[in-house]
Amino acid sequence: MTTHLIGQLMEVKPTEYTDKKTDKVSYNTELTVMFEGLDEEGYRKISVETVSTDEDYYEELKDRIGQTVALPYLIKVTQYGVQAYPDKSMPVLTLEKNPLDYTKFKRLPKSEVVKKP
């Protein structure tokens, strides 16, 4: 299954990883993506996700900092759990505006907030 991580691209950072067993050096790109939403009571909630991707993403995304992007991910269920990998068969989309814009929703009064059992 393919899913997308949608949010504002905050940072694109080249990283280096050395395998301790083989001493092989691998290069990756670390992406920091911020999403703004609302909690159950209507208060602003900010989530920040840092994801590691292939080194190829650095050149593609370094000029998109501050823009809203949709990063495609493949989701696989294995015997070890659910794993997510960047889906290189699909492009990273740059969006004009955040399609998940919660600013048009109003904060609910405490009396109208549904309590969970």
C-alpha atoms as a PDB file:
ATOM      1  CA  MET A   1       0.000   0.000   0.000  1.00  0.00           C
ATOM      2  CA  THR A   2       1.214   3.512  -0.760  1.00  0.00           C
ATOM      3  CA  THR A   3       0.515   6.376   1.608  1.00  0.00           C
ATOM      4  CA  HIS A   4       1.742   9.980   1.745  1.00  0.00           C
ATOM      5  CA  LEU A   5       3.309  12.020   4.506  1.00  0.00           C
ATOM      6  CA  ILE A   6       1.908  15.521   3.942  1.00  0.00           C
ATOM      7  CA  GLY A   7       3.263  18.605   5.662  1.00  0.00           C
ATOM      8  CA  GLN A   8       5.574  21.581   5.519  1.00  0.00           C
ATOM      9  CA  LEU A   9       9.161  20.621   4.725  1.00  0.00           C
ATOM     10  CA  MET A  10      11.243  22.190   7.495  1.00  0.00           C
ATOM     11  CA  GLU A  11      14.730  20.746   6.898  1.00  0.00           C
ATOM     12  CA  VAL A  12      16.648  18.661   4.358  1.00  0.00           C
ATOM     13  CA  LYS A  13      19.883  17.349   5.820  1.00  0.00           C
ATOM     14  CA  PRO A  14      22.483  15.034   4.258  1.00  0.00           C
ATOM     15  CA  THR A  15      23.587  12.364   6.726  1.00  0.00           C
ATOM     16  CA  GLU A  16      26.246   9.679   6.842  1.00  0.00           C
ATOM     17  CA  TYR A  17      25.946   6.277   8.506  1.00  0.00           C
ATOM     18  CA  THR A  18      28.777   3.799   9.147  1.00  0.00           C
ATOM     19  CA  ASP A  19      27.835   0.140   9.594  1.00  0.00           C
ATOM     20  CA  LYS A  20      29.689  -1.011  12.723  1.00  0.00           C
ATOM     21  CA  LYS A  21      30.093  -4.586  11.461  1.00  0.00           C
ATOM     22  CA  THR A  22      31.343  -3.885   7.939  1.00  0.00           C
ATOM     23  CA  ASP A  23      32.633  -0.289   8.285  1.00  0.00           C
ATOM     24  CA  LYS A  24      30.708   0.484   5.083  1.00  0.00           C
ATOM     25  CA  VAL A  25      29.619   4.122   4.847  1.00  0.00           C
ATOM     26  CA  SER A  26      26.092   4.849   3.620  1.00  0.00           C
ATOM     27  CA  TYR A  27      24.661   8.236   2.773  1.00  0.00           C
ATOM     28  CA  ASN A  28      21.067   9.251   3.457  1.00  0.00           C
ATOM     29  CA  THR A  29      18.922  12.360   3.532  1.00  0.00           C
ATOM     30  CA  GLU A  30      17.066  13.259   6.710  1.00  0.00           C
ATOM     31  CA  LEU A  31      13.809  15.154   6.153  1.00  0.00           C
ATOM     32  CA  THR A  32      11.961  17.077   8.858  1.00  0.00           C
ATOM     33  CA  VAL A  33       8.258  17.577   8.086  1.00  0.00           C
ATOM     34  CA  MET A  34       5.799  19.584  10.216  1.00  0.00           C
ATOM     35  CA  PHE A  35       2.043  19.079  10.301  1.00  0.00           C
ATOM     36  CA  GLU A  36      -0.391  21.468  11.981  1.00  0.00           C
ATOM     37  CA  GLY A  37      -3.747  20.144  13.100  1.00  0.00           C
ATOM     38  CA  LEU A  38      -6.272  20.398  15.910  1.00  0.00           C
ATOM     39  CA  ASP A  39      -6.727  18.212  18.960  1.00  0.00           C
ATOM     40  CA  GLU A  40     -10.135  16.893  20.101  1.00  0.00           C
ATOM     41  CA  GLU A  41     -10.919  20.166  21.857  1.00  0.00           C
ATOM     42  CA  GLY A  42      -9.969  22.283  18.866  1.00  0.00           C
ATOM     43  CA  TYR A  43      -6.617  23.506  20.173  1.00  0.00           C
ATOM     44  CA  ARG A  44      -3.728  23.785  17.760  1.00  0.00           C
ATOM     45  CA  LYS A  45      -1.522  20.699  17.677  1.00  0.00           C
ATOM     46  CA  ILE A  46       1.817  20.599  15.881  1.00  0.00           C
ATOM     47  CA  SER A  47       3.485  17.322  14.974  1.00  0.00           C
ATOM     48  CA  VAL A  48       7.014  17.052  13.628  1.00  0.00           C
ATOM     49  CA  GLU A  49       8.269  13.923  11.906  1.00  0.00           C
ATOM     50  CA  THR A  50      11.883  13.243  10.947  1.00  0.00           C
ATOM     51  CA  VAL A  51      12.308  10.588   8.287  1.00  0.00           C
ATOM     52  CA  SER A  52      15.380   9.059   6.710  1.00  0.00           C
ATOM     53  CA  THR A  53      15.361   8.681   2.920  1.00  0.00           C
ATOM     54  CA  ASP A  54      17.817   7.872   0.142  1.00  0.00           C
ATOM     55  CA  GLU A  55      20.619  10.312  -0.590  1.00  0.00           C
ATOM     56  CA  ASP A  56      18.972  11.100  -3.963  1.00  0.00           C
ATOM     57  CA  TYR A  57      16.259  13.085  -2.188  1.00  0.00           C
ATOM     58  CA  TYR A  58      18.741  15.759  -1.038  1.00  0.00           C
ATOM     59  CA  GLU A  59      19.221  17.352  -4.461  1.00  0.00           C
ATOM     60  CA  GLU A  60      15.524  17.021  -5.270  1.00  0.00           C
ATOM     61  CA  LEU A  61      14.231  18.586  -2.048  1.00  0.00           C
ATOM     62  CA  LYS A  62      16.844  21.045  -0.761  1.00  0.00           C
ATOM     63  CA  ASP A  63      15.156  23.955  -2.577  1.00  0.00           C
ATOM     64  CA  ARG A  64      11.656  23.062  -1.322  1.00  0.00           C
ATOM     65  CA  ILE A  65      12.200  23.971   2.354  1.00  0.00           C
ATOM     66  CA  GLY A  66       9.158  25.859   3.638  1.00  0.00           C
ATOM     67  CA  GLN A  67       6.803  24.379   1.041  1.00  0.00           C
ATOM     68  CA  THR A  68       4.027  21.845   1.585  1.00  0.00           C
ATOM     69  CA  VAL A  69       5.043  18.452   0.200  1.00  0.00           C
ATOM     70  CA  ALA A  70       3.530  14.980  -0.118  1.00  0.00           C
ATOM     71  CA  LEU A  71       6.147  12.245   0.343  1.00  0.00           C
ATOM     72  CA  PRO A  72       5.026   8.850  -1.039  1.00  0.00           C
ATOM     73  CA  TYR A  73       5.654   5.833   1.188  1.00  0.00           C
ATOM     74  CA  LEU A  74       5.224   2.103   0.692  1.00  0.00           C
ATOM     75  CA  ILE A  75       3.745   0.418   3.732  1.00  0.00           C
ATOM     76  CA  LYS A  76       4.609  -3.257   4.201  1.00  0.00           C
ATOM     77  CA  VAL A  77       3.373  -5.604   6.888  1.00  0.00           C
ATOM     78  CA  THR A  78       6.053  -8.151   7.766  1.00  0.00           C
ATOM     79  CA  GLN A  79       6.596 -10.650  10.536  1.00  0.00           C
ATOM     80  CA  TYR A  80       8.458  -7.858  12.359  1.00  0.00           C
ATOM     81  CA  GLY A  81       5.575  -5.374  12.160  1.00  0.00           C
ATOM     82  CA  VAL A  82       4.620  -2.522   9.876  1.00  0.00           C
ATOM     83  CA  GLN A  83       7.491  -0.918   7.973  1.00  0.00           C
ATOM     84  CA  ALA A  84       7.515   2.194   5.779  1.00  0.00           C
ATOM     85  CA  TYR A  85       9.884   2.895   2.901  1.00  0.00           C
ATOM     86  CA  PRO A  86      10.063   5.895   0.561  1.00  0.00           C
ATOM     87  CA  ASP A  87       8.345   4.958  -2.707  1.00  0.00           C
ATOM     88  CA  LYS A  88      10.810   6.034  -5.390  1.00  0.00           C
ATOM     89  CA  SER A  89       8.437   4.979  -8.160  1.00  0.00           C
ATOM     90  CA  MET A  90       6.274   8.026  -7.356  1.00  0.00           C
ATOM     91  CA  PRO A  91       7.391  11.679  -7.339  1.00  0.00           C
ATOM     92  CA  VAL A  92       7.473  13.908  -4.279  1.00  0.00           C
ATOM     93  CA  LEU A  93       4.685  16.417  -4.864  1.00  0.00           C
ATOM     94  CA  THR A  94       4.908  20.111  -4.042  1.00  0.00           C
ATOM     95  CA  LEU A  95       1.466  21.429  -3.136  1.00  0.00           C
ATOM     96  CA  GLU A  96       0.266  25.028  -3.453  1.00  0.00           C
ATOM     97  CA  LYS A  97      -1.433  24.828  -0.072  1.00  0.00           C
ATOM     98  CA  ASN A  98      -1.883  22.244   2.622  1.00  0.00           C
ATOM     99  CA  PRO A  99      -4.904  20.101   1.664  1.00  0.00           C
ATOM    100  CA  LEU A 100      -5.301  19.195   5.341  1.00  0.00           C
ATOM    101  CA  ASP A 101      -5.871  22.784   6.467  1.00  0.00           C
ATOM    102  CA  TYR A 102      -7.648  22.810   9.827  1.00  0.00           C
ATOM    103  CA  THR A 103      -7.777  26.595  10.255  1.00  0.00           C
ATOM    104  CA  LYS A 104     -11.387  26.739   9.016  1.00  0.00           C
ATOM    105  CA  PHE A 105     -12.612  24.615  11.923  1.00  0.00           C
ATOM    106  CA  LYS A 106     -13.808  26.289  15.098  1.00  0.00           C
ATOM    107  CA  ARG A 107     -12.784  25.393  18.604  1.00  0.00           C
ATOM    108  CA  LEU A 108     -15.553  23.550  20.433  1.00  0.00           C
ATOM    109  CA  PRO A 109     -16.702  24.784  23.823  1.00  0.00           C
ATOM    110  CA  LYS A 110     -15.687  22.391  26.602  1.00  0.00           C
ATOM    111  CA  SER A 111     -19.360  21.472  27.133  1.00  0.00           C
ATOM    112  CA  GLU A 112     -19.585  20.115  23.545  1.00  0.00           C
ATOM    113  CA  VAL A 113     -16.382  18.071  23.582  1.00  0.00           C
ATOM    114  CA  VAL A 114     -17.237  14.381  23.517  1.00  0.00           C
ATOM    115  CA  LYS A 115     -15.450  12.550  26.316  1.00  0.00           C
ATOM    116  CA  LYS A 116     -14.051   9.100  25.655  1.00  0.00           C
ATOM    117  CA  PRO A 117     -15.167   6.331  28.031  1.00  0.00           C
END
